Protein backbone atom coordinates (compact mmCIF):
# COMPACT_ATOMS: atom_id res chain seq x y z
CA MET A 1 128.79 39.60 97.66
CA SER A 2 127.37 36.51 95.91
CA PRO A 3 128.34 32.96 96.98
CA ALA A 4 129.91 32.36 93.56
CA ARG A 5 132.12 35.43 93.92
CA ASP A 6 133.05 34.40 97.47
CA ALA A 7 134.11 30.99 96.15
CA ILE A 8 136.28 32.58 93.43
CA PHE A 9 138.05 34.86 95.90
CA ALA A 10 138.53 31.98 98.32
CA GLY A 11 140.20 29.97 95.55
CA ILE A 12 142.54 32.87 94.77
CA ARG A 13 143.49 33.19 98.43
CA ARG A 14 144.24 29.47 98.67
CA SER A 15 146.52 29.70 95.64
CA LEU A 16 148.31 32.64 97.29
CA LYS A 17 148.45 30.76 100.58
CA ARG A 18 146.89 33.57 102.60
CA GLY A 19 143.62 34.61 104.18
CA PRO A 20 141.57 37.81 103.77
CA LEU A 21 143.47 41.10 103.87
CA GLY A 22 143.52 43.07 107.09
CA PRO A 23 141.62 46.36 107.53
CA GLN A 24 144.67 48.53 106.83
CA GLN A 25 145.51 46.74 103.57
CA GLN A 26 141.88 46.87 102.47
CA ALA A 27 141.78 50.62 103.13
CA GLU A 28 144.99 51.16 101.16
CA LEU A 29 143.64 49.22 98.18
CA ARG A 30 140.32 51.09 98.24
CA ALA A 31 142.18 54.40 98.30
CA ARG A 32 144.36 53.30 95.37
CA VAL A 33 141.32 52.30 93.30
CA ALA A 34 139.48 55.53 94.14
CA ALA A 35 142.47 57.71 93.18
CA HIS A 36 142.48 56.61 89.49
CA ARG A 37 146.22 57.24 89.35
CA ARG A 38 147.39 57.64 85.76
CA ASN A 39 150.27 55.79 84.17
CA LEU A 40 152.87 57.42 81.93
CA ILE A 41 151.03 59.16 79.06
CA PRO A 42 152.83 60.02 75.78
CA ALA A 43 152.94 63.75 75.01
CA ARG A 44 151.97 63.21 71.35
CA ALA A 45 148.32 64.11 71.99
CA THR A 46 148.31 65.79 75.40
CA THR A 47 150.30 68.80 74.18
CA LEU A 48 147.82 69.59 71.37
CA ASP A 49 144.79 71.85 71.48
CA HIS A 50 141.43 70.17 70.89
CA PRO A 51 141.12 70.79 67.11
CA ALA A 52 144.60 69.32 66.66
CA GLN A 53 143.59 66.30 68.76
CA VAL A 54 140.65 65.71 66.41
CA ASP A 55 143.04 65.92 63.43
CA LEU A 56 145.43 63.47 65.12
CA PHE A 57 142.59 61.04 65.83
CA VAL A 58 141.62 61.08 62.15
CA ALA A 59 145.23 60.58 61.01
CA MET A 60 145.86 57.72 63.43
CA ALA A 61 142.56 55.99 62.58
CA GLU A 62 143.36 56.13 58.86
CA GLU A 63 146.83 54.77 59.57
CA VAL A 64 145.27 51.55 60.91
CA GLN A 65 143.02 51.10 57.83
CA ALA A 66 139.86 52.71 59.18
CA THR A 67 138.13 55.11 56.81
CA VAL A 68 136.99 58.51 58.05
CA ALA A 69 134.51 61.07 56.75
CA ARG A 70 134.23 64.47 58.42
CA VAL A 71 130.72 65.94 58.32
CA PRO A 72 129.58 69.36 59.58
CA SER A 73 126.52 68.36 61.63
CA PRO A 74 124.02 65.55 62.36
CA ALA A 75 121.97 66.69 59.36
CA ALA A 76 124.77 65.52 57.07
CA ILE A 77 125.03 62.02 58.55
CA PRO A 78 122.31 60.25 56.49
CA GLU A 79 123.81 61.48 53.22
CA ALA A 80 127.31 60.47 54.35
CA VAL A 81 126.10 56.99 55.32
CA ALA A 82 124.22 56.51 52.04
CA ARG A 83 127.24 57.69 50.04
CA TYR A 84 129.57 55.32 51.86
CA LEU A 85 127.28 52.30 51.42
CA ALA A 86 126.91 53.02 47.71
CA ALA A 87 130.68 53.46 47.25
CA GLU A 88 131.34 50.10 48.92
CA ASN A 89 128.50 48.38 47.01
CA LEU A 90 126.77 47.54 50.30
CA PRO A 91 123.02 47.19 50.91
CA ALA A 92 121.18 50.30 52.09
CA GLU A 93 120.29 48.56 55.35
CA LEU A 94 121.49 49.30 58.88
CA ALA A 95 121.30 47.59 62.23
CA MET A 96 121.51 50.66 64.46
CA ALA A 97 122.02 51.06 68.18
CA PRO A 98 118.82 52.18 69.97
CA ASP A 99 120.76 54.97 71.65
CA PRO A 100 119.15 58.40 72.25
CA SER A 101 122.29 60.13 70.95
CA LEU A 102 121.30 58.99 67.46
CA ASP A 103 117.69 60.25 67.71
CA SER A 104 118.46 63.75 66.44
CA ILE A 105 119.80 62.45 63.13
CA PRO A 106 117.22 63.18 60.38
CA TRP A 107 117.17 59.73 58.80
CA GLU A 108 113.94 60.63 56.98
CA THR A 109 116.02 62.69 54.55
CA ARG A 110 117.29 59.41 53.06
CA PRO A 111 114.08 57.33 52.89
CA LEU A 112 115.77 54.52 50.94
CA LEU A 113 117.90 53.67 53.98
CA ARG A 114 116.27 50.80 55.82
CA ILE A 115 117.05 51.02 59.54
CA ARG A 116 116.36 48.46 62.25
CA ARG A 117 117.21 49.47 65.79
CA GLY A 118 118.44 46.78 68.15
CA ARG A 119 121.21 44.23 68.51
CA ALA A 120 122.97 42.75 65.50
CA GLU A 121 121.68 39.52 63.99
CA ALA A 122 123.53 36.95 61.88
CA GLY A 123 122.30 38.36 58.56
CA ASP A 124 123.20 42.00 59.22
CA ALA A 125 125.86 43.35 56.88
CA VAL A 126 126.19 46.88 58.34
CA SER A 127 125.87 48.30 61.84
CA LEU A 128 125.91 51.86 63.14
CA THR A 129 126.73 52.86 66.71
CA PRO A 130 127.78 55.85 68.78
CA CYS A 131 130.98 55.88 70.84
CA VAL A 132 132.03 57.04 74.30
CA ALA A 133 135.29 58.65 73.21
CA ALA A 134 137.70 58.92 70.30
CA VAL A 135 141.29 58.57 71.53
CA ALA A 136 143.65 60.80 69.56
CA GLU A 137 146.84 59.11 70.77
CA THR A 138 146.11 55.90 68.82
CA GLY A 139 143.02 56.53 66.66
CA THR A 140 141.05 54.25 68.96
CA LEU A 141 137.29 54.23 69.59
CA MET A 142 135.99 53.61 73.12
CA LEU A 143 132.71 51.67 72.96
CA ALA A 144 130.52 50.74 75.93
CA SER A 145 128.01 47.90 76.15
CA GLY A 146 124.44 48.29 77.34
CA ALA A 147 120.80 47.98 76.36
CA ARG A 148 121.18 51.08 74.18
CA THR A 149 124.49 49.98 72.65
CA PRO A 150 124.53 46.18 72.22
CA THR A 151 128.07 44.85 71.85
CA THR A 152 127.03 42.57 68.96
CA LEU A 153 126.79 45.68 66.78
CA ASN A 154 130.54 46.24 67.24
CA PHE A 155 131.66 42.80 66.07
CA LEU A 156 129.06 40.79 64.18
CA PRO A 157 128.40 42.73 60.92
CA ASP A 158 131.19 42.90 58.34
CA THR A 159 130.92 46.69 58.22
CA HIS A 160 130.80 48.91 61.31
CA ILE A 161 129.97 52.61 61.05
CA VAL A 162 130.63 54.74 64.14
CA VAL A 163 129.34 58.24 64.81
CA ALA A 164 132.00 60.17 66.74
CA TYR A 165 131.35 63.81 67.60
CA ALA A 166 134.39 66.07 67.56
CA ASP A 167 133.82 66.99 71.20
CA GLN A 168 134.27 63.31 72.08
CA ALA A 169 137.93 63.40 71.01
CA VAL A 170 140.28 62.95 73.96
CA ALA A 171 144.05 62.80 74.20
CA SER A 172 144.50 59.45 75.97
CA TYR A 173 142.80 56.30 77.23
CA GLU A 174 142.80 57.77 80.74
CA ASP A 175 140.77 60.74 79.47
CA GLY A 176 138.27 58.28 78.01
CA TRP A 177 137.86 56.57 81.39
CA ASP A 178 137.34 59.99 82.96
CA ARG A 179 134.44 60.62 80.57
CA LEU A 180 132.91 57.26 81.46
CA ARG A 181 133.22 57.93 85.19
CA ALA A 182 131.73 61.41 84.77
CA ALA A 183 128.72 59.90 83.02
CA ALA A 184 128.34 57.43 85.89
CA ASP A 185 128.52 60.27 88.41
CA SER A 186 125.66 61.91 86.50
CA GLY A 187 123.49 58.84 86.91
CA SER A 188 124.34 56.66 83.91
CA PRO A 189 125.20 53.08 84.91
CA LEU A 190 128.74 51.86 84.32
CA PRO A 191 128.79 49.42 81.38
CA ARG A 192 129.46 45.75 81.90
CA THR A 193 131.93 45.80 79.01
CA VAL A 194 134.14 48.47 77.45
CA ASN A 195 135.76 47.75 74.09
CA PHE A 196 138.68 49.69 72.62
CA VAL A 197 138.58 49.33 68.83
CA THR A 198 141.54 50.39 66.70
CA GLY A 199 140.80 49.89 63.03
CA PRO A 200 139.01 46.94 61.42
CA SER A 201 139.56 43.42 62.74
CA ARG A 202 142.75 41.77 61.56
CA THR A 203 145.16 38.98 62.43
CA GLY A 204 148.65 37.94 61.38
CA ASP A 205 148.38 34.41 62.78
CA ILE A 206 147.82 32.76 59.39
CA GLU A 207 151.23 32.36 57.73
CA GLN A 208 152.15 35.79 59.16
CA ARG A 209 149.95 37.50 56.59
CA ILE A 210 147.51 40.19 57.63
CA VAL A 211 143.94 38.97 57.19
CA LEU A 212 141.06 41.39 57.71
CA GLY A 213 137.81 40.38 59.36
CA ALA A 214 139.19 37.47 61.36
CA HIS A 215 137.51 38.42 64.64
CA GLY A 216 135.10 41.18 63.67
CA PRO A 217 134.31 43.76 60.99
CA ARG A 218 136.30 43.91 57.77
CA ARG A 219 135.52 47.60 57.47
CA LEU A 220 135.46 50.34 60.09
CA HIS A 221 134.08 53.67 58.89
CA ILE A 222 134.06 56.64 61.26
CA LEU A 223 131.87 59.71 60.81
CA VAL A 224 133.52 62.58 62.67
CA VAL A 225 130.77 65.14 63.24
CA GLU A 226 132.17 68.63 63.74
CA ASN A 227 129.13 70.12 65.56
CA ARG A 228 126.31 68.47 67.48
CA GLN A 229 123.77 71.06 66.31
CA ASP A 230 122.89 72.06 62.78
CA ALA A 231 123.96 75.47 61.54
CA GLU A 232 120.30 76.50 61.30
CA ASP A 233 119.77 75.66 64.99
CA GLY A 234 122.80 77.72 65.95
CA GLU A 235 121.54 80.73 64.00
CA ALA A 236 118.09 80.44 65.54
CA SER A 237 119.44 80.25 69.06
CA GLY A 238 121.76 83.18 68.43
């Protein structure tokens, strides 16, 4: 443990007027953390089969002013992105996460799209990222930080496009954490930051009127991809 962290914990103990915990209490706390005990989870999503959970995610996301386009495969993503940008009168330019999950998308089919991979800069109008999970219960996206998924892409540009595969839909937040832990067990590092994003940024602090874009993107557009492989790939493999 670093000296800075030791100093922080020492300050907390002083405020609580106690010293370090004994061995038994430490063991109990470690067991509690390791158990990942779930809180009460609403049945709204947990009682549905997976296709219905995907439908619920879409409905809940649209209810909080996100827009959603359902596409059949990665091959359809470039066309869907270009169509959305044109409809919103946005530049055909993307700041895109340098994440391997986006490598299979055939961006060359839309050569007029200008794509820069990396973190968002001040002049970027549109970003595109993957997600960890799509939570059906609330229409929420689970986004993790890292070198491949810079957090600036989630908040700096006015328009955020997220690629969410249908198999990433989960019933609850707890299911999303399970996916993240499973990835860590497989060797992926745990992210420093996890963001839960429900719809575009908004606030009601100003005269109790809803204002979009106060703390992040004004637009959140979600591409729900039904299959990870193209139909042609599936036929070839079959």
